[in-house]
Protein backbone atom coordinates (compact mmCIF):
# COMPACT_ATOMS: atom_id res chain seq x y z
CA MET A 1 108.25 137.38 101.57
CA ARG A 2 104.53 138.21 101.64
CA ARG A 3 103.02 138.97 98.25
CA ASN A 4 99.60 140.33 97.28
CA PHE A 5 98.04 138.35 94.44
CA LEU A 6 95.20 139.54 92.23
CA LEU A 7 93.43 136.69 90.43
CA LEU A 8 91.61 137.48 87.19
CA GLN A 9 89.82 134.94 84.97
CA GLY A 10 90.84 131.32 85.38
CA PRO A 11 89.72 128.11 83.73
CA GLY A 12 86.06 127.29 84.33
CA THR A 13 86.87 124.90 87.16
CA PRO A 14 87.62 125.09 90.93
CA PHE A 15 91.34 125.49 90.21
CA PHE A 16 91.70 129.23 90.85
CA GLY A 17 89.65 129.05 94.04
CA ARG A 18 91.77 126.27 95.48
CA LEU A 19 94.95 128.00 94.40
CA ALA A 20 93.79 131.16 96.18
CA ASP A 21 93.09 129.17 99.36
CA ARG A 22 96.59 127.71 99.27
CA LEU A 23 98.24 131.12 98.76
CA ALA A 24 96.22 132.57 101.65
CA VAL A 25 97.19 129.69 103.95
CA ASP A 26 100.82 130.41 103.09
CA GLY A 27 100.36 133.98 104.38
CA HIS A 28 99.91 135.89 101.14
CA GLY A 29 97.25 138.44 100.33
CA VAL A 30 94.67 137.21 97.82
CA PHE A 31 92.25 139.39 95.85
CA ARG A 32 89.91 138.52 93.01
CA VAL A 33 87.99 140.13 90.15
CA ASN A 34 84.94 138.35 88.73
CA PHE A 35 83.94 139.23 85.18
CA ASN A 36 80.92 136.99 84.63
CA GLY A 37 78.53 134.54 86.26
CA GLY A 38 80.83 131.57 85.69
CA ASP A 39 83.68 133.33 87.51
CA LEU A 40 81.31 134.15 90.37
CA ALA A 41 79.99 130.58 90.63
CA TYR A 42 83.42 128.96 90.80
CA TRP A 43 84.71 131.53 93.30
CA ARG A 44 82.22 129.99 95.75
CA GLY A 45 81.43 133.03 97.90
CA ARG A 46 85.00 134.10 98.64
CA PRO A 47 85.48 137.90 98.87
CA ALA A 48 85.88 139.48 95.43
CA TRP A 49 85.26 142.54 93.29
CA ASN A 50 82.78 142.23 90.45
CA PHE A 51 83.76 144.20 87.37
CA ARG A 52 80.62 145.35 85.58
CA GLY A 53 82.10 148.13 83.49
CA THR A 54 82.89 148.40 79.81
CA PRO A 55 86.23 147.08 78.50
CA ASP A 56 87.64 150.59 78.11
CA ALA A 57 87.10 151.17 81.86
CA LEU A 58 89.08 148.09 82.90
CA ARG A 59 92.51 149.73 82.86
CA ASP A 60 91.50 152.42 85.37
CA PHE A 61 89.66 149.83 87.48
CA LEU A 62 92.76 147.66 87.70
CA ASP A 63 95.02 150.63 88.32
CA ASP A 64 92.93 151.56 91.36
CA LYS A 65 93.05 147.99 92.72
CA TYR A 66 96.81 147.72 92.16
CA ARG A 67 97.56 150.90 94.06
CA ARG A 68 95.02 150.68 96.90
CA ASN A 69 95.87 147.07 97.75
CA GLY A 70 99.60 146.93 97.08
CA ILE A 71 99.18 144.27 94.40
CA THR A 72 102.54 142.68 93.60
CA ASP A 73 101.38 139.86 91.30
CA GLN A 74 98.42 139.02 89.08
CA ILE A 75 97.39 135.56 87.93
CA LEU A 76 95.32 134.78 84.85
CA PHE A 77 94.45 132.02 82.40
CA GLY A 78 95.21 132.89 78.78
CA ASP A 79 96.91 136.17 77.96
CA ARG A 80 94.74 137.06 74.93
CA ARG A 81 91.32 137.26 76.54
CA PRO A 82 89.78 140.75 76.27
CA ALA A 83 89.68 140.94 80.08
CA HIS A 84 93.38 140.17 80.28
CA ARG A 85 95.03 142.24 77.57
CA PRO A 86 94.75 145.53 79.54
CA ALA A 87 95.91 143.71 82.67
CA VAL A 88 99.06 142.31 81.05
CA ASP A 89 100.03 145.66 79.54
CA HIS A 90 99.17 147.85 82.51
CA GLY A 91 100.48 145.43 85.09
CA ASP A 92 103.93 145.64 83.57
CA ALA A 93 103.80 149.46 83.62
CA CYS A 94 102.83 149.38 87.31
CA GLY A 95 105.53 146.90 88.33
CA VAL A 96 103.03 144.05 88.85
CA ARG A 97 104.33 140.59 87.96
CA THR A 98 102.01 138.69 85.65
CA HIS A 99 101.70 134.90 85.85
CA VAL A 100 99.91 133.27 82.93
CA PHE A 101 98.41 129.78 83.03
CA GLU A 102 97.54 127.87 79.87
CA GLU A 103 97.02 124.29 78.75
CA GLY A 104 100.30 122.35 78.84
CA TYR A 105 102.81 122.46 76.02
CA PHE A 106 103.35 118.78 76.88
CA ARG A 107 100.21 116.75 77.55
CA PRO A 108 98.69 115.14 79.51
CA HIS A 109 99.59 115.69 83.19
CA TRP A 110 101.11 119.16 82.70
CA VAL A 111 99.92 122.77 82.60
CA THR A 112 101.82 125.83 81.42
CA LEU A 113 102.79 128.61 83.86
CA GLU A 114 104.93 131.47 82.56
CA ARG A 115 105.64 135.06 83.45
CA GLU A 116 104.16 137.78 81.21
CA GLY A 117 102.89 135.58 78.36
CA VAL A 118 102.55 132.14 76.78
CA ASN A 119 102.73 130.63 73.30
CA GLY A 120 103.69 133.41 70.90
CA HIS A 121 104.28 135.78 73.82
CA SER A 122 106.48 133.40 75.79
CA LEU A 123 109.74 134.79 77.18
CA LEU A 124 111.57 131.60 76.17
CA PRO A 125 114.66 132.57 74.14
CA ARG A 126 114.62 132.00 70.40
CA ASP A 127 118.27 130.98 70.28
CA PRO A 128 118.86 127.22 69.78
CA ASP A 129 122.31 127.47 71.35
CA TRP A 130 120.78 128.80 74.56
CA PHE A 131 118.73 125.60 74.97
CA ARG A 132 121.75 123.44 74.23
CA GLU A 133 123.71 125.22 76.96
CA ALA A 134 120.90 125.64 79.50
CA VAL A 135 120.12 121.92 79.62
CA HIS A 136 123.43 121.35 81.41
CA ARG A 137 122.35 123.65 84.26
CA LEU A 138 119.10 121.88 85.04
CA PRO A 139 118.52 119.99 88.28
CA ALA A 140 117.80 116.30 88.08
CA SER A 141 114.37 115.54 86.64
CA THR A 142 111.65 114.32 88.96
CA ALA A 143 109.14 111.63 88.08
CA THR A 144 105.87 112.80 86.52
CA ILE A 145 102.86 112.11 88.74
CA THR A 146 100.05 110.82 86.54
CA PHE A 147 96.31 110.99 87.04
CA ARG A 148 93.16 110.18 85.12
CA SER A 149 91.10 113.13 83.88
CA PRO A 150 87.92 111.86 82.16
CA PHE A 151 86.45 114.03 79.44
CA TRP A 152 83.07 114.06 81.17
CA VAL A 153 84.59 115.92 84.15
CA ARG A 154 85.86 118.66 81.87
CA ALA A 155 82.51 118.78 80.08
CA ALA A 156 80.62 119.02 83.39
CA HIS A 157 82.73 122.00 84.48
CA ASP A 158 82.15 123.69 81.13
CA VAL A 159 78.38 123.24 81.37
CA THR A 160 78.35 124.54 84.96
CA TYR A 161 80.41 127.58 84.03
CA HIS A 162 78.20 128.50 81.08
CA ALA A 163 74.99 127.77 82.95
CA ALA A 164 76.05 130.29 85.58
CA GLY A 165 76.85 132.65 82.73
CA SER A 166 73.17 132.69 81.79
CA LEU A 167 72.83 135.28 84.58
CA ASN A 168 75.25 137.64 82.84
CA PRO A 169 72.53 139.90 81.38
CA VAL A 170 71.45 140.68 84.95
CA LEU A 171 74.69 140.46 86.95
CA PHE A 172 77.28 141.44 84.32
CA PRO A 173 75.35 143.14 81.51
CA ARG A 174 78.44 144.57 79.80
CA TYR A 175 80.44 141.35 79.77
CA ARG A 176 81.50 140.08 76.36
CA THR A 177 82.96 136.58 76.06
CA HIS A 178 86.28 135.95 74.34
CA SER A 179 84.66 133.10 72.41
CA SER A 180 83.08 133.72 69.02
CA ILE A 181 80.65 130.79 69.57
CA THR A 182 77.79 130.87 72.08
CA ALA A 183 77.51 127.97 74.52
CA PRO A 184 74.19 126.60 73.15
CA VAL A 185 75.57 126.49 69.61
CA GLU A 186 78.78 124.88 70.90
CA TYR A 187 76.93 122.19 72.86
CA ALA A 188 74.60 121.42 69.96
CA GLY A 189 77.64 120.95 67.75
CA TYR A 190 79.33 118.65 70.25
CA LEU A 191 76.22 116.51 70.71
CA LYS A 192 75.84 116.04 66.96
CA ARG A 193 79.54 115.31 66.39
CA PHE A 194 79.92 112.89 69.28
CA ALA A 195 76.80 111.04 68.16
CA THR A 196 78.34 110.74 64.72
CA LEU A 197 81.65 109.55 66.16
CA ARG A 198 79.91 106.71 67.97
CA VAL A 199 78.87 105.41 64.56
CA ILE A 200 82.04 106.02 62.55
CA ARG A 201 84.83 105.74 65.14
CA GLY A 202 85.73 102.13 64.39
CA ARG A 203 85.81 102.77 60.67
CA GLU A 204 87.95 105.90 61.02
CA TRP A 205 90.47 104.17 63.29
CA ARG A 206 90.75 101.31 60.80
CA ARG A 207 91.28 103.78 57.95
CA VAL A 208 94.07 105.52 59.85
CA GLU A 209 95.70 102.20 60.68
CA ALA A 210 95.46 101.09 57.06
CA LEU A 211 97.17 104.22 55.74
CA ALA A 212 99.86 104.17 58.44
CA SER A 213 100.78 100.56 57.66
CA SER A 214 100.38 100.71 53.89
CA GLY A 215 103.85 101.95 52.96
CA VAL A 216 102.26 104.83 51.04
CA ARG A 217 104.21 108.10 51.16
CA TYR A 218 102.10 110.77 52.84
CA TYR A 219 102.19 113.96 54.88
CA VAL A 220 99.95 114.90 57.82
CA LEU A 221 98.03 118.10 58.50
CA PRO A 222 96.46 117.91 62.01
CA LEU A 223 93.63 120.42 62.32
CA GLN A 224 93.44 122.81 65.25
CA LEU A 225 90.32 124.22 66.86
CA ASN A 226 88.84 126.80 64.55
CA THR A 227 88.13 129.30 67.36
CA ASP A 228 91.30 128.71 69.38
CA ALA A 229 93.43 131.71 70.35
CA GLN A 230 96.38 129.87 68.80
CA ILE A 231 94.74 130.49 65.43
CA ARG A 232 92.92 133.77 66.10
CA ASP A 233 95.69 135.61 67.94
CA HIS A 234 98.93 133.74 67.29
CA SER A 235 98.81 133.12 63.54
CA ARG A 236 98.20 134.97 60.31
CA PHE A 237 95.17 132.83 59.49
CA ASP A 238 91.55 133.76 60.19
CA GLY A 239 90.45 130.14 60.60
CA MET A 240 91.17 126.56 59.67
CA GLU A 241 89.54 126.78 56.23
CA GLU A 242 92.15 129.34 55.28
CA VAL A 243 94.87 127.01 56.60
CA ILE A 244 93.45 124.06 54.65
CA THR A 245 93.26 126.06 51.43
CA TYR A 246 96.81 127.35 51.83
CA VAL A 247 98.25 123.89 52.49
CA LEU A 248 96.27 122.16 49.74
CA GLU A 249 97.35 124.70 47.14
CA SER A 250 101.00 124.29 48.10
CA PHE A 251 100.67 120.49 48.19
CA ALA A 252 99.07 120.44 44.75
CA ARG A 253 101.79 122.57 43.19
CA HIS A 254 104.93 121.37 44.93
CA ALA A 255 104.55 117.96 46.62
CA PRO A 256 105.91 114.90 44.75
CA SER A 257 103.16 113.38 42.63
CA ASP A 258 103.42 109.99 44.37
CA THR A 259 102.57 111.43 47.81
CA ARG A 260 99.29 111.92 49.68
CA LEU A 261 98.08 114.39 52.29
CA ALA A 262 96.29 113.06 55.38
CA ILE A 263 94.16 115.65 57.18
CA LYS A 264 92.88 114.71 60.64
CA ASN A 265 90.32 116.62 62.66
CA HIS A 266 90.93 117.79 66.23
CA PRO A 267 89.42 115.45 68.87
CA LEU A 268 87.61 118.36 70.57
CA ASP A 269 86.27 119.97 67.40
CA MET A 270 82.70 121.27 67.85
CA GLY A 271 81.51 119.85 64.55
CA LEU A 272 80.30 123.24 63.30
CA VAL A 273 82.51 123.28 60.19
CA PRO A 274 81.78 120.62 57.52
CA TYR A 275 85.43 119.77 57.04
CA ARG A 276 84.90 116.64 54.96
CA ALA A 277 82.87 118.47 52.30
CA LEU A 278 85.07 121.55 52.50
CA ILE A 279 88.28 119.56 52.01
CA ARG A 280 86.76 117.52 49.20
CA ARG A 281 85.74 120.71 47.38
CA HIS A 282 89.09 122.46 47.74
CA ALA A 283 91.06 119.32 46.87
CA ARG A 284 88.97 118.97 43.71
CA ASP A 285 89.57 122.63 42.82
CA PHE A 286 93.34 122.10 43.10
CA GLY A 287 93.25 118.84 41.18
CA VAL A 288 94.35 116.56 44.05
CA ALA A 289 91.03 115.02 45.14
CA ASP A 290 92.48 111.53 44.59
CA ARG A 291 95.52 112.28 46.79
CA VAL A 292 93.87 113.70 49.92
CA ASP A 293 92.49 111.67 52.85
CA TYR A 294 90.35 113.19 55.58
CA PHE A 295 89.92 111.48 58.97
CA GLU A 296 87.26 112.56 61.44
CA ASP A 297 88.83 110.38 64.14
CA GLY A 298 91.67 107.92 64.63
CA ASN A 299 94.99 107.35 66.37
CA LEU A 300 97.18 110.30 65.49
CA GLY A 301 100.41 108.78 66.87
CA PRO A 302 100.93 106.03 64.26
CA LEU A 303 99.65 108.35 61.54
CA ILE A 304 102.45 110.80 62.32
CA GLU A 305 105.08 108.15 63.03
CA HIS A 306 104.80 106.63 59.54
CA SER A 307 104.49 109.93 57.67
CA LEU A 308 107.02 111.83 55.56
CA GLY A 309 106.35 115.03 57.47
CA VAL A 310 103.88 117.11 59.48
CA VAL A 311 102.49 120.52 58.59
CA THR A 312 101.04 122.51 61.48
CA VAL A 313 100.27 126.11 62.31
CA ASN A 314 101.35 126.10 65.96
CA SER A 315 99.74 123.04 67.52
CA THR A 316 101.35 121.08 70.36
CA VAL A 317 101.09 118.17 67.92
CA GLY A 318 104.19 119.71 66.38
CA ILE A 319 106.11 118.81 69.54
CA VAL A 320 104.84 115.23 69.28
CA SER A 321 106.07 114.94 65.70
CA LEU A 322 109.48 116.34 66.64
CA GLU A 323 109.80 113.81 69.45
CA LEU A 324 109.03 111.08 66.92
CA GLY A 325 111.82 112.39 64.68
CA ILE A 326 109.43 113.46 61.91
CA PRO A 327 110.22 116.48 59.71
CA THR A 328 107.88 119.27 60.77
CA VAL A 329 107.08 122.71 59.41
CA ALA A 330 105.19 125.37 61.39
CA LEU A 331 103.14 127.98 59.54
CA SER A 332 103.25 130.35 62.52
CA ASP A 333 105.88 130.89 65.21
CA PRO A 334 105.29 128.54 68.17
CA ILE A 335 107.97 128.13 70.83
CA TYR A 336 109.38 125.07 69.02
CA ASN A 337 109.83 126.80 65.65
CA LEU A 338 113.63 126.83 65.90
CA PRO A 339 116.47 125.84 63.56
CA GLY A 340 117.38 122.28 64.39
CA LEU A 341 113.81 121.44 65.34
CA THR A 342 111.37 122.49 62.62
CA SER A 343 112.14 122.96 58.95
CA GLN A 344 112.98 126.59 58.28
CA ALA A 345 112.18 126.30 54.57
CA PRO A 346 108.99 127.75 53.09
CA LEU A 347 106.09 125.32 52.84
CA ASP A 348 106.49 125.10 49.06
CA ASP A 349 110.01 123.74 49.56
CA PHE A 350 109.21 121.54 52.55
CA TRP A 351 107.42 118.87 50.53
CA ALA A 352 110.57 117.86 48.67
CA SER A 353 113.38 118.98 50.99
CA ARG A 354 112.21 117.79 54.39
CA GLU A 355 114.61 118.58 57.21
CA PRO A 356 114.44 116.06 60.08
CA PRO A 357 114.80 117.39 63.63
CA ASP A 358 118.07 117.05 65.52
CA ARG A 359 117.20 114.36 68.06
CA ASP A 360 119.71 115.58 70.64
CA PHE A 361 118.35 119.09 70.36
CA VAL A 362 114.78 117.81 70.68
CA GLY A 363 115.74 116.18 73.98
CA SER A 364 117.46 119.32 75.25
CA PHE A 365 114.57 121.54 74.18
CA ARG A 366 112.04 119.32 75.91
CA ARG A 367 113.96 119.20 79.18
CA VAL A 368 114.50 122.96 79.30
CA VAL A 369 110.91 123.86 78.40
CA MET A 370 109.54 121.36 80.89
CA HIS A 371 111.65 122.82 83.67
CA ALA A 372 111.09 126.47 82.73
CA THR A 373 107.38 126.54 81.92
CA GLN A 374 105.54 123.34 82.88
CA VAL A 375 103.82 122.41 86.13
CA ASN A 376 102.82 118.83 86.86
CA GLY A 377 99.05 118.84 87.36
CA GLY A 378 95.76 119.61 85.64
CA PHE A 379 92.84 122.03 85.66
CA TYR A 380 89.85 119.68 85.64
CA CYS A 381 89.85 116.57 87.85
CA ARG A 382 90.38 116.63 91.63
CA PRO A 383 93.80 114.86 91.66
CA GLY A 384 95.07 117.04 88.82
CA ILE A 385 93.90 120.25 90.47
CA ALA A 386 95.42 119.30 93.84
CA LEU A 387 98.73 118.54 92.17
CA ALA A 388 98.70 121.73 90.09
CA VAL A 389 97.88 123.87 93.15
CA GLU A 390 100.77 122.40 95.14
CA ASN A 391 103.32 122.79 92.36
CA SER A 392 102.09 126.18 91.11
CA ALA A 393 102.21 127.77 94.56
CA ARG A 394 105.96 127.23 94.73
CA VAL A 395 106.51 128.87 91.34
CA LEU A 396 104.17 131.80 92.02
CA THR A 397 105.78 132.72 95.34
CA ALA A 398 109.40 132.38 94.22
CA GLU A 399 111.31 135.59 93.62
CA CYS A 400 112.49 134.32 90.25
CA SER A 401 110.62 132.02 87.89
CA PRO A 402 112.32 128.81 86.73
CA LEU A 403 113.00 130.46 83.37
CA GLU A 404 114.47 133.59 84.99
CA GLN A 405 116.84 131.38 86.97
CA LEU A 406 118.19 129.99 83.70
CA LEU A 407 118.53 133.29 81.85
């Protein structure tokens, strides 16, 4: 069945362009809206509409495109971008299927592709028994195809995308980015942090290894990106400082006195927040300065594996800790925040009454989520993009999504 796809903003890479080419070769209609210079650059001269209006005009703009061109489906990356919120809401009202891409719930080598929404807006059921039953209806698993995706490739795409965005004042004067940090400030932060990591990386890795092998009883708080939509749009916290303060206060009041709290920074943090000083100050205020360890870098796997438990907001690190059999508590409501997986107790109670995950349920949950929402491939390197295009095309053109087939 021929479908007419409207592509909105994608990742700042060639992925959406190559996906569009594949859909067109398969006989489907493909349309595109560019919102900024980066979108325009990565669309590489293919036919497109350029939206130069104000955000409040986007709904009517999309409505016109839906109706005039018989749009049946729209594809976008991230359902919380300002350019996408009207599209998700109005698309549903107009009978347009929405397909949302996002970074993979399971990494590396996977990307997320769901209908209507991802993360906190995922259509995955919230009933543990459903996962336990659905796993028995899955087809046999296929082998994961792996590929190498160097960080420099991702960085190069990001620089290219933002460099093209420097033309926004001329080409797209009303465009407003979804990011709260401008590209120059972001790059300056990365350069400073990565220069620092070159000096301290060995020391930090040794510190992590020493704590993990020491036999000391400790918990882990892995930091998330301060500006990530997972924090801004899918949690009750305004930023990571608020998370740190909340966790430290609870730890100080309720964690056993012989335990420590290990806080590790995100590997892609921009370096704009002075976490070491911030954590030291708050830990001192709560009287636990001698029980808190901060790591700028290090191997997170062993740190989690030897811990008493993991506290996260909604990071995919929570899935890693569950797979390692470590008690985990989520401060928001990610897809894995289910009885039998994460602790359902309040954080104040978690420190002393840690509830380990049900290993059988972890396995069932992983298999179902992988089948229902994950696509083998990547957004950045050539092999990953080629793989993601091939596998995504089958999901996008199917009458029912993998999840809908299970429901």
